[in-house]
Amino acid sequence: MRAAGGSDWKLWPASAALALFFVLPLGYFLVVSFWRLRSYKLVPTFTLDNYALVFAEYSGALAFTLALALVVAAVSTVLGFAIAYMARFRAGRWGQVILFVVLVTLFGGYLVKIFAWKTILGTNGVLNNALMALGIVSEPVSALLYSPLAVVITLVHFLLPFTVLPIYGSLRGVADTPLAAARDLGAGNMRVLRDMVLPQCQAGIFAAFAIAFLISVGDYVTPRLVGGPDSTMVGNFVESQFVNRLNAPVGSALSYTMLAISMVVLFGFRAGLRAMLGPR
């Protein structure tokens, strides 16, 4: 007991950093979201007008951001599971090479990946040139860039390593012997996957989905650089409220509204995952 109690001091620096850089700012902006702004000055008066304004003016942006983030999270999680499953069960000794490649992609800068996709999807980009060379199109397809599709492609590319790693970590805990025994008893690969593999890697699937969804729902750089005017997300409006309008109360209310919706989505996804695969 003494050793356990004496080691508590080692947690103090991490706890202090968490409180200082995470808990306190979150608490401050939560309080600010209920204040008023008058002549560009914060007035500490309780009001719900900021949240009413959010739902009145930004409901469309909230819905669009939620839909796009769900698409990105779903695609990233499915692709991440496929890559992790191949590396764990199908690739043999090449599985470590696949994992290494996934890790290496993490060192590529976020903006580098965005500008790379701008080069690929642009009217004079690699993809359009290839389509024209093959005779599929007669002129460049302008809809590839500055569209929601470009945002989805860019975010999926960026988030894929973050979905592969937690799923692969969960798959590492799946023993090979029960899987081989199930196949010997006549179970097909799909049944083994559904009844044995997926239930044992729920935590990794949920972590992958949550990471992809939360990063997507709060992103504002990608829609600005590759999304165009029809792909404005909540993050862009939050940035505008804080930077351009200096309206911290509305910006905070918009942030917390999106955060609350995101928590509901994640709890719903978790419940649906347990309902389909069973409790763990």
C-alpha atoms as a PDB file:
ATOM      1  CA  MET A   1       0.000   0.000   0.000  1.00  0.00           C
ATOM      2  CA  ARG A   2       2.834   2.338   0.828  1.00  0.00           C
ATOM      3  CA  ALA A   3       4.462   1.728  -2.544  1.00  0.00           C
ATOM      4  CA  ALA A   4       1.223   2.376  -4.337  1.00  0.00           C
ATOM      5  CA  GLY A   5       0.602   5.549  -2.359  1.00  0.00           C
ATOM      6  CA  GLY A   6       4.153   6.725  -2.782  1.00  0.00           C
ATOM      7  CA  SER A   7       3.943   6.390  -6.539  1.00  0.00           C
ATOM      8  CA  ASP A   8       0.944   8.705  -6.796  1.00  0.00           C
ATOM      9  CA  TRP A   9       3.231  11.721  -7.072  1.00  0.00           C
ATOM     10  CA  LYS A  10       4.352  10.444 -10.471  1.00  0.00           C
ATOM     11  CA  LEU A  11       0.863  11.154 -11.795  1.00  0.00           C
ATOM     12  CA  TRP A  12       0.869  14.766 -10.660  1.00  0.00           C
ATOM     13  CA  PRO A  13       2.704  16.295 -13.642  1.00  0.00           C
ATOM     14  CA  ALA A  14       0.426  14.541 -16.134  1.00  0.00           C
ATOM     15  CA  SER A  15      -2.674  15.436 -14.101  1.00  0.00           C
ATOM     16  CA  ALA A  16      -1.570  19.053 -13.810  1.00  0.00           C
ATOM     17  CA  ALA A  17      -0.924  19.280 -17.550  1.00  0.00           C
ATOM     18  CA  LEU A  18      -4.324  17.706 -18.292  1.00  0.00           C
ATOM     19  CA  ALA A  19      -6.079  20.147 -15.985  1.00  0.00           C
ATOM     20  CA  LEU A  20      -4.151  23.193 -17.214  1.00  0.00           C
ATOM     21  CA  PHE A  21      -4.277  22.611 -20.956  1.00  0.00           C
ATOM     22  CA  PHE A  22      -7.512  20.642 -21.328  1.00  0.00           C
ATOM     23  CA  VAL A  23      -9.971  20.786 -18.440  1.00  0.00           C
ATOM     24  CA  LEU A  24      -9.613  24.480 -17.588  1.00  0.00           C
ATOM     25  CA  PRO A  25      -9.863  25.772 -21.194  1.00  0.00           C
ATOM     26  CA  LEU A  26     -12.880  23.552 -21.821  1.00  0.00           C
ATOM     27  CA  GLY A  27     -14.527  24.786 -18.648  1.00  0.00           C
ATOM     28  CA  TYR A  28     -13.748  28.411 -19.492  1.00  0.00           C
ATOM     29  CA  PHE A  29     -15.232  28.262 -22.982  1.00  0.00           C
ATOM     30  CA  LEU A  30     -18.262  26.392 -21.661  1.00  0.00           C
ATOM     31  CA  VAL A  31     -18.915  29.308 -19.306  1.00  0.00           C
ATOM     32  CA  VAL A  32     -18.231  31.847 -22.065  1.00  0.00           C
ATOM     33  CA  SER A  33     -20.799  30.140 -24.299  1.00  0.00           C
ATOM     34  CA  PHE A  34     -23.515  31.422 -21.939  1.00  0.00           C
ATOM     35  CA  TRP A  35     -22.223  35.025 -21.875  1.00  0.00           C
ATOM     36  CA  ARG A  36     -23.083  37.987 -24.074  1.00  0.00           C
ATOM     37  CA  LEU A  37     -20.932  40.135 -26.347  1.00  0.00           C
ATOM     38  CA  ARG A  38     -21.392  43.900 -26.343  1.00  0.00           C
ATOM     39  CA  SER A  39     -19.107  46.263 -28.238  1.00  0.00           C
ATOM     40  CA  TYR A  40     -16.614  43.401 -28.662  1.00  0.00           C
ATOM     41  CA  LYS A  41     -16.444  42.925 -24.892  1.00  0.00           C
ATOM     42  CA  LEU A  42     -17.531  39.867 -22.941  1.00  0.00           C
ATOM     43  CA  VAL A  43     -20.407  40.478 -20.563  1.00  0.00           C
ATOM     44  CA  PRO A  44     -20.725  37.718 -17.917  1.00  0.00           C
ATOM     45  CA  THR A  45     -24.519  37.532 -18.059  1.00  0.00           C
ATOM     46  CA  PHE A  46     -26.203  34.147 -18.362  1.00  0.00           C
ATOM     47  CA  THR A  47     -28.127  33.691 -21.610  1.00  0.00           C
ATOM     48  CA  LEU A  48     -29.176  30.922 -23.975  1.00  0.00           C
ATOM     49  CA  ASP A  49     -29.322  33.245 -26.968  1.00  0.00           C
ATOM     50  CA  ASN A  50     -26.007  31.957 -28.319  1.00  0.00           C
ATOM     51  CA  TYR A  51     -27.310  28.400 -28.551  1.00  0.00           C
ATOM     52  CA  ALA A  52     -30.579  29.596 -30.047  1.00  0.00           C
ATOM     53  CA  LEU A  53     -28.551  31.476 -32.688  1.00  0.00           C
ATOM     54  CA  VAL A  54     -26.525  28.344 -33.420  1.00  0.00           C
ATOM     55  CA  PHE A  55     -29.602  26.258 -34.192  1.00  0.00           C
ATOM     56  CA  ALA A  56     -31.270  29.098 -36.097  1.00  0.00           C
ATOM     57  CA  GLU A  57     -28.348  29.993 -38.384  1.00  0.00           C
ATOM     58  CA  TYR A  58     -26.015  26.999 -38.430  1.00  0.00           C
ATOM     59  CA  SER A  59     -28.311  23.977 -38.472  1.00  0.00           C
ATOM     60  CA  GLY A  60     -27.444  23.317 -42.126  1.00  0.00           C
ATOM     61  CA  ALA A  61     -23.712  23.460 -41.425  1.00  0.00           C
ATOM     62  CA  LEU A  62     -24.162  21.170 -38.439  1.00  0.00           C
ATOM     63  CA  ALA A  63     -26.024  18.606 -40.534  1.00  0.00           C
ATOM     64  CA  PHE A  64     -23.521  18.795 -43.392  1.00  0.00           C
ATOM     65  CA  THR A  65     -20.547  18.461 -41.050  1.00  0.00           C
ATOM     66  CA  LEU A  66     -22.134  15.528 -39.251  1.00  0.00           C
ATOM     67  CA  ALA A  67     -22.946  13.722 -42.509  1.00  0.00           C
ATOM     68  CA  LEU A  68     -19.505  14.268 -44.010  1.00  0.00           C
ATOM     69  CA  ALA A  69     -17.738  13.202 -40.795  1.00  0.00           C
ATOM     70  CA  LEU A  70     -19.851  10.035 -40.645  1.00  0.00           C
ATOM     71  CA  VAL A  71     -18.919   9.169 -44.229  1.00  0.00           C
ATOM     72  CA  VAL A  72     -15.229   9.791 -43.561  1.00  0.00           C
ATOM     73  CA  ALA A  73     -15.286   7.798 -40.326  1.00  0.00           C
ATOM     74  CA  ALA A  74     -17.160   4.882 -41.887  1.00  0.00           C
ATOM     75  CA  VAL A  75     -14.908   4.675 -44.956  1.00  0.00           C
ATOM     76  CA  SER A  76     -11.737   5.095 -42.891  1.00  0.00           C
ATOM     77  CA  THR A  77     -12.809   2.415 -40.405  1.00  0.00           C
ATOM     78  CA  VAL A  78     -13.759  -0.112 -43.095  1.00  0.00           C
ATOM     79  CA  LEU A  79     -10.533   0.432 -45.027  1.00  0.00           C
ATOM     80  CA  GLY A  80      -8.528   0.440 -41.818  1.00  0.00           C
ATOM     81  CA  PHE A  81     -10.054  -2.874 -40.756  1.00  0.00           C
ATOM     82  CA  ALA A  82      -9.337  -4.408 -44.166  1.00  0.00           C
ATOM     83  CA  ILE A  83      -5.678  -3.359 -44.040  1.00  0.00           C
ATOM     84  CA  ALA A  84      -5.256  -4.417 -40.407  1.00  0.00           C
ATOM     85  CA  TYR A  85      -6.953  -7.774 -41.048  1.00  0.00           C
ATOM     86  CA  MET A  86      -4.729  -8.440 -44.052  1.00  0.00           C
ATOM     87  CA  ALA A  87      -1.604  -7.515 -42.092  1.00  0.00           C
ATOM     88  CA  ARG A  88      -2.605  -9.705 -39.155  1.00  0.00           C
ATOM     89  CA  PHE A  89      -4.033 -12.825 -40.800  1.00  0.00           C
ATOM     90  CA  ARG A  90      -3.377 -12.853 -44.540  1.00  0.00           C
ATOM     91  CA  ALA A  91      -0.049 -11.259 -45.366  1.00  0.00           C
ATOM     92  CA  GLY A  92       2.201 -13.582 -43.383  1.00  0.00           C
ATOM     93  CA  ARG A  93       5.675 -12.152 -42.954  1.00  0.00           C
ATOM     94  CA  TRP A  94       4.667  -9.245 -45.184  1.00  0.00           C
ATOM     95  CA  GLY A  95       2.283  -8.099 -42.476  1.00  0.00           C
ATOM     96  CA  GLN A  96       5.084  -6.277 -40.677  1.00  0.00           C
ATOM     97  CA  VAL A  97       6.000  -4.532 -43.920  1.00  0.00           C
ATOM     98  CA  ILE A  98       2.400  -3.354 -44.328  1.00  0.00           C
ATOM     99  CA  LEU A  99       2.384  -2.089 -40.750  1.00  0.00           C
ATOM    100  CA  PHE A 100       5.694  -0.317 -41.318  1.00  0.00           C
ATOM    101  CA  VAL A 101       4.319   1.432 -44.401  1.00  0.00           C
ATOM    102  CA  VAL A 102       1.280   2.543 -42.391  1.00  0.00           C
ATOM    103  CA  LEU A 103       3.546   3.949 -39.678  1.00  0.00           C
ATOM    104  CA  VAL A 104       5.749   5.740 -42.201  1.00  0.00           C
ATOM    105  CA  THR A 105       2.751   7.591 -43.643  1.00  0.00           C
ATOM    106  CA  LEU A 106       2.220   9.193 -40.231  1.00  0.00           C
ATOM    107  CA  PHE A 107       5.409  11.194 -40.739  1.00  0.00           C
ATOM    108  CA  GLY A 108       4.004  12.929 -43.805  1.00  0.00           C
ATOM    109  CA  GLY A 109       2.745  16.382 -42.895  1.00  0.00           C
ATOM    110  CA  TYR A 110      -0.972  17.077 -42.905  1.00  0.00           C
ATOM    111  CA  LEU A 111      -0.639  20.059 -45.229  1.00  0.00           C
ATOM    112  CA  VAL A 112       1.673  18.082 -47.496  1.00  0.00           C
ATOM    113  CA  LYS A 113      -1.068  15.489 -47.978  1.00  0.00           C
ATOM    114  CA  ILE A 114      -3.674  18.173 -48.639  1.00  0.00           C
ATOM    115  CA  PHE A 115      -1.574  19.873 -51.308  1.00  0.00           C
ATOM    116  CA  ALA A 116      -0.698  16.488 -52.781  1.00  0.00           C
ATOM    117  CA  TRP A 117      -4.399  15.787 -53.310  1.00  0.00           C
ATOM    118  CA  LYS A 118      -4.852  19.260 -54.776  1.00  0.00           C
ATOM    119  CA  THR A 119      -2.216  18.302 -57.319  1.00  0.00           C
ATOM    120  CA  ILE A 120      -3.844  14.950 -58.025  1.00  0.00           C
ATOM    121  CA  LEU A 121      -7.454  16.152 -58.262  1.00  0.00           C
ATOM    122  CA  GLY A 122      -6.873  19.515 -59.974  1.00  0.00           C
ATOM    123  CA  THR A 123      -7.948  20.224 -63.545  1.00  0.00           C
ATOM    124  CA  ASN A 124      -4.333  19.797 -64.628  1.00  0.00           C
ATOM    125  CA  GLY A 125      -3.684  17.082 -62.097  1.00  0.00           C
ATOM    126  CA  VAL A 126      -2.542  13.502 -62.447  1.00  0.00           C
ATOM    127  CA  LEU A 127      -6.043  12.012 -62.318  1.00  0.00           C
ATOM    128  CA  ASN A 128      -7.550  14.282 -64.968  1.00  0.00           C
ATOM    129  CA  ASN A 129      -4.566  13.785 -67.242  1.00  0.00           C
ATOM    130  CA  ALA A 130      -4.890  10.024 -66.886  1.00  0.00           C
ATOM    131  CA  LEU A 131      -8.627  10.103 -67.629  1.00  0.00           C
ATOM    132  CA  MET A 132      -8.067  12.214 -70.716  1.00  0.00           C
ATOM    133  CA  ALA A 133      -5.195  10.016 -71.895  1.00  0.00           C
ATOM    134  CA  LEU A 134      -7.405   6.937 -71.599  1.00  0.00           C
ATOM    135  CA  GLY A 135     -10.195   8.655 -73.513  1.00  0.00           C
ATOM    136  CA  ILE A 136     -12.661   8.393 -70.626  1.00  0.00           C
ATOM    137  CA  VAL A 137     -13.278  12.154 -70.622  1.00  0.00           C
ATOM    138  CA  SER A 138     -12.671  14.748 -73.309  1.00  0.00           C
ATOM    139  CA  GLU A 139     -11.956  17.624 -70.937  1.00  0.00           C
ATOM    140  CA  PRO A 140     -10.806  17.930 -67.307  1.00  0.00           C
ATOM    141  CA  VAL A 141     -13.399  17.137 -64.650  1.00  0.00           C
ATOM    142  CA  SER A 142     -13.562  20.227 -62.476  1.00  0.00           C
ATOM    143  CA  ALA A 143     -15.854  18.585 -59.911  1.00  0.00           C
ATOM    144  CA  LEU A 144     -13.042  16.442 -58.523  1.00  0.00           C
ATOM    145  CA  LEU A 145     -11.506  19.362 -56.661  1.00  0.00           C
ATOM    146  CA  TYR A 146     -13.222  21.940 -54.465  1.00  0.00           C
ATOM    147  CA  SER A 147     -16.064  19.589 -53.639  1.00  0.00           C
ATOM    148  CA  PRO A 148     -17.223  17.437 -50.689  1.00  0.00           C
ATOM    149  CA  LEU A 149     -15.740  14.438 -52.491  1.00  0.00           C
ATOM    150  CA  ALA A 150     -12.288  16.026 -52.361  1.00  0.00           C
ATOM    151  CA  VAL A 151     -12.725  16.633 -48.616  1.00  0.00           C
ATOM    152  CA  VAL A 152     -13.705  13.002 -48.046  1.00  0.00           C
ATOM    153  CA  ILE A 153     -10.789  11.644 -50.082  1.00  0.00           C
ATOM    154  CA  THR A 154      -8.246  13.888 -48.372  1.00  0.00           C
ATOM    155  CA  LEU A 155      -9.498  13.178 -44.860  1.00  0.00           C
ATOM    156  CA  VAL A 156      -9.687   9.422 -45.457  1.00  0.00           C
ATOM    157  CA  HIS A 157      -6.105   9.445 -46.711  1.00  0.00           C
ATOM    158  CA  PHE A 158      -4.965  11.407 -43.675  1.00  0.00           C
ATOM    159  CA  LEU A 159      -6.946   9.372 -41.121  1.00  0.00           C
ATOM    160  CA  LEU A 160      -6.332   5.873 -42.479  1.00  0.00           C
ATOM    161  CA  PRO A 161      -3.213   5.206 -40.339  1.00  0.00           C
ATOM    162  CA  PHE A 162      -5.123   6.310 -37.242  1.00  0.00           C
ATOM    163  CA  THR A 163      -7.766   3.657 -37.932  1.00  0.00           C
ATOM    164  CA  VAL A 164      -5.385   0.860 -38.902  1.00  0.00           C
ATOM    165  CA  LEU A 165      -3.301   0.983 -35.736  1.00  0.00           C
ATOM    166  CA  PRO A 166      -6.003   0.571 -33.040  1.00  0.00           C
ATOM    167  CA  ILE A 167      -7.759  -2.137 -35.043  1.00  0.00           C
ATOM    168  CA  TYR A 168      -4.490  -3.978 -35.602  1.00  0.00           C
ATOM    169  CA  GLY A 169      -3.790  -3.731 -31.883  1.00  0.00           C
ATOM    170  CA  SER A 170      -7.127  -5.412 -31.154  1.00  0.00           C
ATOM    171  CA  LEU A 171      -6.545  -8.080 -33.785  1.00  0.00           C
ATOM    172  CA  ARG A 172      -3.225  -8.926 -32.149  1.00  0.00           C
ATOM    173  CA  GLY A 173      -5.242 -10.166 -29.193  1.00  0.00           C
ATOM    174  CA  VAL A 174      -7.224 -12.627 -31.327  1.00  0.00           C
ATOM    175  CA  ALA A 175      -5.659 -16.073 -30.949  1.00  0.00           C
ATOM    176  CA  ASP A 176      -5.043 -18.144 -34.073  1.00  0.00           C
ATOM    177  CA  THR A 177      -5.895 -21.518 -32.524  1.00  0.00           C
ATOM    178  CA  PRO A 178      -9.666 -20.937 -31.995  1.00  0.00           C
ATOM    179  CA  LEU A 179      -9.942 -19.565 -35.533  1.00  0.00           C
ATOM    180  CA  ALA A 180      -8.239 -22.618 -36.977  1.00  0.00           C
ATOM    181  CA  ALA A 181     -10.468 -24.874 -34.860  1.00  0.00           C
ATOM    182  CA  ALA A 182     -13.594 -23.115 -36.131  1.00  0.00           C
ATOM    183  CA  ARG A 183     -12.491 -23.595 -39.729  1.00  0.00           C
ATOM    184  CA  ASP A 184     -11.755 -27.284 -39.053  1.00  0.00           C
ATOM    185  CA  LEU A 185     -15.325 -27.662 -37.791  1.00  0.00           C
ATOM    186  CA  GLY A 186     -16.685 -26.290 -41.056  1.00  0.00           C
ATOM    187  CA  ALA A 187     -17.074 -22.576 -40.381  1.00  0.00           C
ATOM    188  CA  GLY A 188     -16.449 -20.407 -43.432  1.00  0.00           C
ATOM    189  CA  ASN A 189     -14.210 -17.371 -43.443  1.00  0.00           C
ATOM    190  CA  MET A 190     -17.139 -14.937 -43.251  1.00  0.00           C
ATOM    191  CA  ARG A 191     -18.650 -16.722 -40.265  1.00  0.00           C
ATOM    192  CA  VAL A 192     -15.294 -16.802 -38.486  1.00  0.00           C
ATOM    193  CA  LEU A 193     -14.938 -13.099 -39.172  1.00  0.00           C
ATOM    194  CA  ARG A 194     -18.458 -12.281 -38.011  1.00  0.00           C
ATOM    195  CA  ASP A 195     -18.723 -14.544 -34.958  1.00  0.00           C
ATOM    196  CA  MET A 196     -15.150 -14.649 -33.678  1.00  0.00           C
ATOM    197  CA  VAL A 197     -12.943 -11.877 -35.024  1.00  0.00           C
ATOM    198  CA  LEU A 198     -15.256  -8.871 -34.996  1.00  0.00           C
ATOM    199  CA  PRO A 199     -16.603  -9.413 -31.450  1.00  0.00           C
ATOM    200  CA  GLN A 200     -13.044  -9.544 -30.109  1.00  0.00           C
ATOM    201  CA  CYS A 201     -11.908  -6.311 -31.734  1.00  0.00           C
ATOM    202  CA  GLN A 202     -14.855  -4.068 -30.849  1.00  0.00           C
ATOM    203  CA  ALA A 203     -12.615  -1.775 -28.814  1.00  0.00           C
ATOM    204  CA  GLY A 204     -10.292  -1.217 -31.761  1.00  0.00           C
ATOM    205  CA  ILE A 205     -13.166  -0.612 -34.181  1.00  0.00           C
ATOM    206  CA  PHE A 206     -14.770   1.894 -31.830  1.00  0.00           C
ATOM    207  CA  ALA A 207     -11.459   3.683 -31.208  1.00  0.00           C
ATOM    208  CA  ALA A 208     -10.794   3.885 -34.954  1.00  0.00           C
ATOM    209  CA  PHE A 209     -14.271   5.243 -35.696  1.00  0.00           C
ATOM    210  CA  ALA A 210     -14.116   7.726 -32.822  1.00  0.00           C
ATOM    211  CA  ILE A 211     -10.709   9.095 -33.858  1.00  0.00           C
ATOM    212  CA  ALA A 212     -11.720   9.475 -37.494  1.00  0.00           C
ATOM    213  CA  PHE A 213     -15.094  11.008 -36.648  1.00  0.00           C
ATOM    214  CA  LEU A 214     -13.868  13.508 -34.049  1.00  0.00           C
ATOM    215  CA  ILE A 215     -10.965  14.738 -36.188  1.00  0.00           C
ATOM    216  CA  SER A 216     -13.239  15.093 -39.221  1.00  0.00           C
ATOM    217  CA  VAL A 217     -16.011  16.867 -37.384  1.00  0.00           C
ATOM    218  CA  GLY A 218     -13.613  19.477 -36.008  1.00  0.00           C
ATOM    219  CA  ASP A 219     -11.502  20.010 -39.117  1.00  0.00           C
ATOM    220  CA  TYR A 220     -11.509  23.342 -40.910  1.00  0.00           C
ATOM    221  CA  VAL A 221      -8.259  23.303 -42.909  1.00  0.00           C
ATOM    222  CA  THR A 222      -9.251  20.564 -45.362  1.00  0.00           C
ATOM    223  CA  PRO A 223     -12.615  22.071 -46.403  1.00  0.00           C
ATOM    224  CA  ARG A 224     -10.969  25.447 -46.845  1.00  0.00           C
ATOM    225  CA  LEU A 225      -8.169  24.184 -49.105  1.00  0.00           C
ATOM    226  CA  VAL A 226      -9.900  21.453 -51.125  1.00  0.00           C
ATOM    227  CA  GLY A 227     -13.588  21.806 -50.289  1.00  0.00           C
ATOM    228  CA  GLY A 228     -14.666  25.021 -51.920  1.00  0.00           C
ATOM    229  CA  PRO A 229     -17.696  27.178 -51.049  1.00  0.00           C
ATOM    230  CA  ASP A 230     -20.120  24.233 -50.982  1.00  0.00           C
ATOM    231  CA  SER A 231     -18.098  22.322 -48.382  1.00  0.00           C
ATOM    232  CA  THR A 232     -17.977  24.767 -45.482  1.00  0.00           C
ATOM    233  CA  MET A 233     -17.980  22.896 -42.190  1.00  0.00           C
ATOM    234  CA  VAL A 234     -18.651  23.905 -38.608  1.00  0.00           C
ATOM    235  CA  GLY A 235     -14.950  24.367 -37.929  1.00  0.00           C
ATOM    236  CA  ASN A 236     -14.817  27.125 -40.526  1.00  0.00           C
ATOM    237  CA  PHE A 237     -17.653  28.981 -38.816  1.00  0.00           C
ATOM    238  CA  VAL A 238     -16.037  28.522 -35.402  1.00  0.00           C
ATOM    239  CA  GLU A 239     -12.810  29.991 -36.762  1.00  0.00           C
ATOM    240  CA  SER A 240     -14.754  32.892 -38.258  1.00  0.00           C
ATOM    241  CA  GLN A 241     -16.511  33.634 -34.982  1.00  0.00           C
ATOM    242  CA  PHE A 242     -13.279  33.682 -32.980  1.00  0.00           C
ATOM    243  CA  VAL A 243     -10.914  35.288 -35.510  1.00  0.00           C
ATOM    244  CA  ASN A 244     -13.000  37.514 -37.775  1.00  0.00           C
ATOM    245  CA  ARG A 245     -15.971  38.480 -35.632  1.00  0.00           C
ATOM    246  CA  LEU A 246     -14.239  38.235 -32.245  1.00  0.00           C
ATOM    247  CA  ASN A 247     -17.428  36.622 -30.960  1.00  0.00           C
ATOM    248  CA  ALA A 248     -16.196  34.059 -28.457  1.00  0.00           C
ATOM    249  CA  PRO A 249     -19.666  33.332 -26.956  1.00  0.00           C
ATOM    250  CA  VAL A 250     -21.207  32.256 -30.277  1.00  0.00           C
ATOM    251  CA  GLY A 251     -18.032  30.432 -31.298  1.00  0.00           C
ATOM    252  CA  SER A 252     -18.006  28.565 -27.989  1.00  0.00           C
ATOM    253  CA  ALA A 253     -21.705  27.724 -28.246  1.00  0.00           C
ATOM    254  CA  LEU A 254     -21.181  26.408 -31.778  1.00  0.00           C
ATOM    255  CA  SER A 255     -18.238  24.306 -30.618  1.00  0.00           C
ATOM    256  CA  TYR A 256     -20.104  22.819 -27.679  1.00  0.00           C
ATOM    257  CA  THR A 257     -23.173  22.113 -29.771  1.00  0.00           C
ATOM    258  CA  MET A 258     -21.066  20.120 -32.220  1.00  0.00           C
ATOM    259  CA  LEU A 259     -19.283  18.426 -29.324  1.00  0.00           C
ATOM    260  CA  ALA A 260     -22.584  17.375 -27.734  1.00  0.00           C
ATOM    261  CA  ILE A 261     -23.869  16.001 -31.044  1.00  0.00           C
ATOM    262  CA  SER A 262     -20.596  14.134 -31.535  1.00  0.00           C
ATOM    263  CA  MET A 263     -20.883  12.490 -28.119  1.00  0.00           C
ATOM    264  CA  VAL A 264     -24.412  11.347 -28.948  1.00  0.00           C
ATOM    265  CA  VAL A 265     -23.187   9.890 -32.238  1.00  0.00           C
ATOM    266  CA  LEU A 266     -20.333   8.029 -30.554  1.00  0.00           C
ATOM    267  CA  PHE A 267     -22.567   6.621 -27.812  1.00  0.00           C
ATOM    268  CA  GLY A 268     -25.040   5.546 -30.472  1.00  0.00           C
ATOM    269  CA  PHE A 269     -22.303   3.898 -32.521  1.00  0.00           C
ATOM    270  CA  ARG A 270     -21.020   2.116 -29.445  1.00  0.00           C
ATOM    271  CA  ALA A 271     -24.504   0.848 -28.590  1.00  0.00           C
ATOM    272  CA  GLY A 272     -25.087  -0.292 -32.162  1.00  0.00           C
ATOM    273  CA  LEU A 273     -21.747  -2.082 -32.216  1.00  0.00           C
ATOM    274  CA  ARG A 274     -22.597  -3.950 -29.032  1.00  0.00           C
ATOM    275  CA  ALA A 275     -26.048  -4.823 -30.343  1.00  0.00           C
ATOM    276  CA  MET A 276     -24.605  -6.315 -33.534  1.00  0.00           C
ATOM    277  CA  LEU A 277     -21.552  -8.049 -32.109  1.00  0.00           C
ATOM    278  CA  GLY A 278     -22.560  -8.662 -28.512  1.00  0.00           C
ATOM    279  CA  PRO A 279     -21.238  -7.144 -25.263  1.00  0.00           C
ATOM    280  CA  ARG A 280     -17.556  -7.361 -24.429  1.00  0.00           C
END
